[in-house]
Amino acid sequence: MYEATDFTVIHNDFSNYEIVAYNNINEFTHNDINYVNFYEDYYNDIPDAVVRLKKTAVRIYQSDCSKDELVKFICNETYSTDEKCFVLEAVSEKIVESDITTLILYFSEEKLSQDIELAEEFLCLLSKYKNENVYQYFLDYFSVHVGENTEIDQIISTYFDEYYL
C-alpha cells in the first residue's frame, strides 16, 4: 500500500510480516493481509479486505506505538481523518484520564463539527469515560449541534442516560 522507503524501522520484530526484497528494497506485508488477492479485493472495495486492512492498521499502531505517541498522532494536523480514526481505535484501551483532558483540549467542538466521521469516533471513545470533563464536553457539543447527526445525538444521549448508573 505504501513504499517501504517511506518508513523507518523502529524495532526488529518482524514476526507478523512476510518480507520480500525487490531491487534491494524490502517489502513488508503484514500476515493478516498477506493473501493472493488482497490488493485486488481492497481496491475493488470487497468488505472483508477493507475490514482486514483497518483491523491490521489498528493492530500495528497498538503494537508499535506507545500511548503517548498515539495521543500525539491524534493531535497532529498532518494525519487524515481515516488515520486519526485508526489511531483513536488503537489508543482506546491505553488512555487514562489525563489523556482524555489532552484530547478534549485538542478537539474543540468547532473542529469536530467540521469532520463528522472523526467526531463520531472521538465521541464514541469519550463515552467510555464517566467524568466531569467529558460530561461538560458532551453538554457543550450537544447544546450547539443537537439534531445535526442522529448517530452523534445517540452517543451523547446514551452517555447522559447512563452517566449516573
Protein backbone atom coordinates (compact mmCIF):
# COMPACT_ATOMS: atom_id res chain seq x y z
CA MET A 1 0.00 0.00 0.00
CA TYR A 2 2.93 2.31 0.81
CA GLU A 3 6.54 2.34 -0.29
CA ALA A 4 8.89 0.82 2.28
CA THR A 5 11.25 3.76 1.74
CA ASP A 6 8.63 5.99 3.41
CA PHE A 7 9.15 4.26 6.76
CA THR A 8 11.78 3.94 9.43
CA VAL A 9 12.29 0.61 11.20
CA ILE A 10 11.76 1.21 14.92
CA HIS A 11 12.20 -2.37 16.14
CA ASN A 12 13.40 -5.66 14.75
CA ASP A 13 10.38 -7.86 15.44
CA PHE A 14 9.07 -8.81 12.02
CA SER A 15 7.31 -11.98 13.13
CA ASN A 16 3.96 -10.61 11.90
CA TYR A 17 5.29 -9.79 8.42
CA GLU A 18 6.37 -11.53 5.28
CA ILE A 19 9.43 -9.78 3.88
CA VAL A 20 10.29 -9.91 0.19
CA ALA A 21 13.18 -7.99 -1.39
CA TYR A 22 12.68 -6.21 -4.71
CA ASN A 23 15.64 -4.32 -6.19
CA ASN A 24 17.39 -4.21 -2.80
CA ILE A 25 14.29 -2.75 -1.12
CA ASN A 26 12.36 -4.85 1.36
CA GLU A 27 8.60 -5.12 1.00
CA PHE A 28 6.81 -5.86 4.28
CA THR A 29 3.35 -7.41 4.17
CA HIS A 30 1.52 -7.97 7.42
CA ASN A 31 0.38 -11.58 7.79
CA ASP A 32 -3.24 -10.51 8.35
CA ILE A 33 -3.47 -9.17 4.80
CA ASN A 34 -0.94 -11.45 3.14
CA TYR A 35 -3.11 -13.39 0.74
CA VAL A 36 -3.02 -13.60 -3.04
CA ASN A 37 -5.97 -11.37 -3.94
CA PHE A 38 -5.75 -8.83 -1.12
CA TYR A 39 -4.83 -5.79 -3.24
CA GLU A 40 -7.42 -6.65 -5.88
CA ASP A 41 -10.07 -7.21 -3.21
CA TYR A 42 -9.15 -4.00 -1.38
CA TYR A 43 -9.20 -1.80 -4.48
CA ASN A 44 -12.50 -3.39 -5.55
CA ASP A 45 -13.96 -2.44 -2.14
CA ILE A 46 -14.59 -6.03 -1.07
CA PRO A 47 -15.80 -5.55 2.53
CA ASP A 48 -13.64 -8.30 4.05
CA ALA A 49 -10.45 -6.80 2.61
CA VAL A 50 -11.35 -3.29 3.77
CA VAL A 51 -12.15 -4.53 7.30
CA ARG A 52 -8.97 -6.63 7.41
CA LEU A 53 -6.84 -3.64 6.47
CA LYS A 54 -8.46 -1.47 9.14
CA LYS A 55 -8.02 -4.12 11.84
CA THR A 56 -4.43 -4.66 10.74
CA ALA A 57 -3.66 -0.94 10.86
CA VAL A 58 -5.11 -0.74 14.38
CA ARG A 59 -3.00 -3.73 15.49
CA ILE A 60 0.14 -2.19 14.02
CA TYR A 61 -0.47 1.12 15.83
CA GLN A 62 -1.20 -0.72 19.09
CA SER A 63 1.91 -2.88 18.95
CA ASP A 64 4.41 -0.40 17.52
CA CYS A 65 3.46 2.85 19.26
CA SER A 66 3.30 3.96 22.85
CA LYS A 67 0.16 5.55 24.26
CA ASP A 68 1.85 8.96 24.28
CA GLU A 69 2.86 8.61 20.63
CA LEU A 70 -0.71 7.68 19.69
CA VAL A 71 -2.13 10.71 21.50
CA LYS A 72 0.40 12.94 19.70
CA PHE A 73 -0.62 11.44 16.34
CA ILE A 74 -4.27 12.18 17.03
CA CYS A 75 -3.45 15.80 17.89
CA ASN A 76 -1.34 16.32 14.78
CA GLU A 77 -2.83 18.09 11.76
CA THR A 78 -0.65 16.06 9.38
CA TYR A 79 -2.80 12.94 9.60
CA SER A 80 -6.01 12.30 7.68
CA THR A 81 -9.39 11.55 9.23
CA ASP A 82 -9.01 7.84 8.38
CA GLU A 83 -5.61 7.69 10.06
CA LYS A 84 -6.88 9.53 13.13
CA CYS A 85 -9.83 7.12 13.36
CA PHE A 86 -7.42 4.14 13.25
CA VAL A 87 -5.30 5.74 15.94
CA LEU A 88 -8.34 6.57 18.11
CA GLU A 89 -9.35 2.93 17.96
CA ALA A 90 -5.79 1.81 18.69
CA VAL A 91 -5.40 4.09 21.70
CA SER A 92 -8.86 3.43 23.15
CA GLU A 93 -7.65 0.70 25.51
CA LYS A 94 -4.48 2.52 26.56
CA ILE A 95 -5.52 6.02 27.54
CA VAL A 96 -6.05 7.40 31.03
CA GLU A 97 -7.94 10.43 32.34
CA SER A 98 -5.11 12.90 31.69
CA ASP A 99 -5.05 11.81 28.04
CA ILE A 100 -8.79 12.46 27.84
CA THR A 101 -8.17 16.02 29.00
CA THR A 102 -5.47 16.47 26.34
CA LEU A 103 -7.80 15.16 23.62
CA ILE A 104 -10.71 17.32 24.79
CA LEU A 105 -8.50 20.41 24.65
CA TYR A 106 -7.36 19.49 21.15
CA PHE A 107 -10.78 18.62 19.71
CA SER A 108 -12.79 21.77 20.08
CA GLU A 109 -16.48 21.43 19.32
CA GLU A 110 -15.88 23.60 16.26
CA LYS A 111 -13.11 21.32 14.96
CA LEU A 112 -15.27 18.22 15.38
CA SER A 113 -18.28 19.80 13.71
CA GLN A 114 -16.19 20.07 10.55
CA ASP A 115 -15.44 16.33 10.45
CA ILE A 116 -18.44 14.16 11.33
CA GLU A 117 -16.63 10.83 10.83
CA LEU A 118 -13.90 11.85 13.26
CA ALA A 119 -16.50 13.32 15.63
CA GLU A 120 -18.37 10.01 15.81
CA GLU A 121 -15.20 8.04 16.51
CA PHE A 122 -13.94 10.54 19.09
CA LEU A 123 -17.26 10.92 20.92
CA CYS A 124 -17.68 7.15 20.99
CA LEU A 125 -14.25 6.89 22.63
CA LEU A 126 -15.10 9.63 25.14
CA SER A 127 -18.39 7.97 26.02
CA LYS A 128 -16.44 5.24 27.83
CA TYR A 129 -15.25 7.76 30.44
CA LYS A 130 -17.58 8.98 33.16
CA ASN A 131 -16.06 12.19 34.46
CA GLU A 132 -16.94 15.86 34.68
CA ASN A 133 -14.68 16.94 31.79
CA VAL A 134 -16.34 14.53 29.38
CA TYR A 135 -19.80 15.34 30.72
CA GLN A 136 -19.24 19.07 30.19
CA TYR A 137 -17.72 18.48 26.75
CA PHE A 138 -20.76 16.45 25.70
CA LEU A 139 -23.11 19.05 27.14
CA ASP A 140 -21.36 21.87 25.24
CA TYR A 141 -21.23 19.88 21.99
CA PHE A 142 -24.83 18.71 22.26
CA SER A 143 -26.20 22.17 23.04
CA VAL A 144 -24.76 23.52 19.78
CA HIS A 145 -25.14 20.52 17.46
CA VAL A 146 -28.23 18.62 18.60
CA GLY A 147 -30.20 17.31 15.63
CA GLU A 148 -27.35 17.59 13.12
CA ASN A 149 -26.35 13.92 13.23
CA THR A 150 -28.50 11.12 14.65
CA GLU A 151 -25.54 8.82 15.45
CA ILE A 152 -23.78 11.53 17.44
CA ASP A 153 -27.04 12.51 19.16
CA GLN A 154 -27.47 8.85 20.17
CA ILE A 155 -23.91 8.56 21.54
CA ILE A 156 -24.36 11.67 23.67
CA SER A 157 -27.92 10.83 24.79
CA THR A 158 -26.83 7.34 25.85
CA TYR A 159 -23.89 8.85 27.73
CA PHE A 160 -26.21 11.17 29.67
CA ASP A 161 -28.71 8.37 30.32
CA GLU A 162 -26.02 6.07 31.72
CA TYR A 163 -23.84 8.66 33.48
CA TYR A 164 -25.15 8.05 36.99
CA LEU A 165 -25.75 4.29 36.64
